[in-house]
């Protein structure tokens, strides 16, 4: 938890939130990609 607080202090809250949202979107895009590849087979 300390690491998160240090990131917020050093980089800034908006950047941390952006990285978090990008990570969440990436995992969902990978799931969609896998589903599409599965439909093609």
N, C-alpha and C. Protein backbone atom coordinates (compact mmCIF):
# COMPACT_ATOMS: atom_id res chain seq x y z
N UNK A 1 0.82 -1.20 0.00
CA UNK A 1 0.00 0.00 0.00
C UNK A 1 0.87 1.25 0.00
N UNK A 2 2.01 1.19 0.63
CA UNK A 2 2.90 2.35 0.66
C UNK A 2 3.36 2.72 -0.74
N UNK A 3 3.57 1.69 -1.58
CA UNK A 3 4.03 1.94 -2.94
C UNK A 3 3.00 2.75 -3.72
N UNK A 4 1.73 2.46 -3.51
CA UNK A 4 0.67 3.20 -4.20
C UNK A 4 0.66 4.65 -3.75
N UNK A 5 0.80 4.87 -2.46
CA UNK A 5 0.81 6.23 -1.93
C UNK A 5 2.01 7.00 -2.48
N UNK A 6 3.17 6.34 -2.55
CA UNK A 6 4.35 7.00 -3.11
C UNK A 6 4.14 7.35 -4.58
N UNK A 7 3.52 6.45 -5.33
CA UNK A 7 3.24 6.75 -6.74
C UNK A 7 2.33 7.97 -6.88
N UNK A 8 1.30 8.03 -6.05
CA UNK A 8 0.38 9.15 -6.10
C UNK A 8 1.11 10.45 -5.76
N UNK A 9 1.99 10.41 -4.78
CA UNK A 9 2.72 11.60 -4.38
C UNK A 9 3.70 12.04 -5.46
N UNK A 10 4.38 11.10 -6.08
CA UNK A 10 5.41 11.44 -7.05
C UNK A 10 4.84 11.79 -8.43
N UNK A 11 3.91 10.99 -8.90
CA UNK A 11 3.44 11.15 -10.28
C UNK A 11 2.18 12.00 -10.35
N UNK A 12 1.29 11.76 -9.47
CA UNK A 12 0.03 12.49 -9.48
C UNK A 12 -1.16 11.56 -9.63
N UNK A 13 -2.24 11.96 -9.03
CA UNK A 13 -3.44 11.14 -9.01
C UNK A 13 -4.00 10.82 -10.39
N UNK A 14 -4.13 11.81 -11.30
CA UNK A 14 -4.72 11.49 -12.62
C UNK A 14 -3.92 10.45 -13.41
N UNK A 15 -2.62 10.48 -13.30
CA UNK A 15 -1.80 9.53 -14.03
C UNK A 15 -1.98 8.13 -13.47
N UNK A 16 -2.05 8.00 -12.16
CA UNK A 16 -2.26 6.69 -11.54
C UNK A 16 -3.62 6.14 -11.94
N UNK A 17 -4.64 6.96 -11.94
CA UNK A 17 -5.98 6.52 -12.35
C UNK A 17 -5.97 6.09 -13.81
N UNK A 18 -5.28 6.83 -14.66
CA UNK A 18 -5.19 6.49 -16.09
C UNK A 18 -4.53 5.13 -16.28
N UNK A 19 -3.44 4.87 -15.59
CA UNK A 19 -2.78 3.58 -15.71
C UNK A 19 -3.68 2.45 -15.22
N UNK A 20 -4.41 2.69 -14.15
CA UNK A 20 -5.32 1.66 -13.64
C UNK A 20 -6.40 1.34 -14.66
N UNK A 21 -6.98 2.38 -15.26
CA UNK A 21 -8.03 2.15 -16.24
C UNK A 21 -7.49 1.48 -17.50
N UNK A 22 -6.30 1.85 -17.93
CA UNK A 22 -5.68 1.20 -19.08
C UNK A 22 -5.46 -0.28 -18.82
N UNK A 23 -5.04 -0.61 -17.61
CA UNK A 23 -4.82 -2.01 -17.25
C UNK A 23 -6.13 -2.80 -17.31
N UNK A 24 -7.19 -2.21 -16.77
CA UNK A 24 -8.49 -2.90 -16.79
C UNK A 24 -9.00 -3.08 -18.20
N UNK A 25 -8.86 -2.06 -19.04
CA UNK A 25 -9.32 -2.16 -20.43
C UNK A 25 -8.50 -3.20 -21.18
N UNK A 26 -7.19 -3.27 -20.90
CA UNK A 26 -6.34 -4.23 -21.59
C UNK A 26 -6.79 -5.66 -21.31
N UNK A 27 -7.13 -5.97 -20.08
CA UNK A 27 -7.54 -7.34 -19.75
C UNK A 27 -8.86 -7.68 -20.45
N UNK A 28 -9.76 -6.71 -20.56
CA UNK A 28 -11.03 -6.97 -21.24
C UNK A 28 -10.81 -7.12 -22.74
N UNK A 29 -9.91 -6.34 -23.32
CA UNK A 29 -9.61 -6.47 -24.74
C UNK A 29 -8.99 -7.83 -25.05
N UNK A 30 -8.16 -8.33 -24.16
CA UNK A 30 -7.58 -9.66 -24.36
C UNK A 30 -8.67 -10.73 -24.34
N UNK A 31 -9.65 -10.59 -23.46
CA UNK A 31 -10.75 -11.55 -23.39
C UNK A 31 -11.58 -11.50 -24.67
N UNK A 32 -11.83 -10.31 -25.17
CA UNK A 32 -12.59 -10.16 -26.42
C UNK A 32 -11.80 -10.77 -27.58
N UNK A 33 -10.51 -10.52 -27.62
CA UNK A 33 -9.67 -11.06 -28.68
C UNK A 33 -9.70 -12.59 -28.65
N UNK A 34 -9.59 -13.17 -27.48
CA UNK A 34 -9.64 -14.62 -27.35
C UNK A 34 -10.99 -15.17 -27.81
N UNK A 35 -12.07 -14.49 -27.47
CA UNK A 35 -13.40 -14.94 -27.89
C UNK A 35 -13.55 -14.88 -29.41
N UNK A 36 -13.04 -13.82 -30.02
CA UNK A 36 -13.13 -13.69 -31.48
C UNK A 36 -12.30 -14.77 -32.17
N UNK A 37 -11.11 -15.01 -31.66
CA UNK A 37 -10.27 -16.06 -32.24
C UNK A 37 -10.96 -17.42 -32.09
N UNK A 38 -11.62 -17.66 -30.97
CA UNK A 38 -12.34 -18.89 -30.75
C UNK A 38 -13.51 -19.07 -31.70
N UNK A 39 -14.16 -17.98 -32.09
CA UNK A 39 -15.28 -18.06 -33.03
C UNK A 39 -14.80 -18.37 -34.43
N UNK A 40 -13.58 -17.96 -34.77
CA UNK A 40 -13.06 -18.18 -36.12
C UNK A 40 -12.71 -19.64 -36.35
N UNK A 41 -12.42 -20.38 -35.29
CA UNK A 41 -12.02 -21.78 -35.44
C UNK A 41 -13.19 -22.71 -35.54
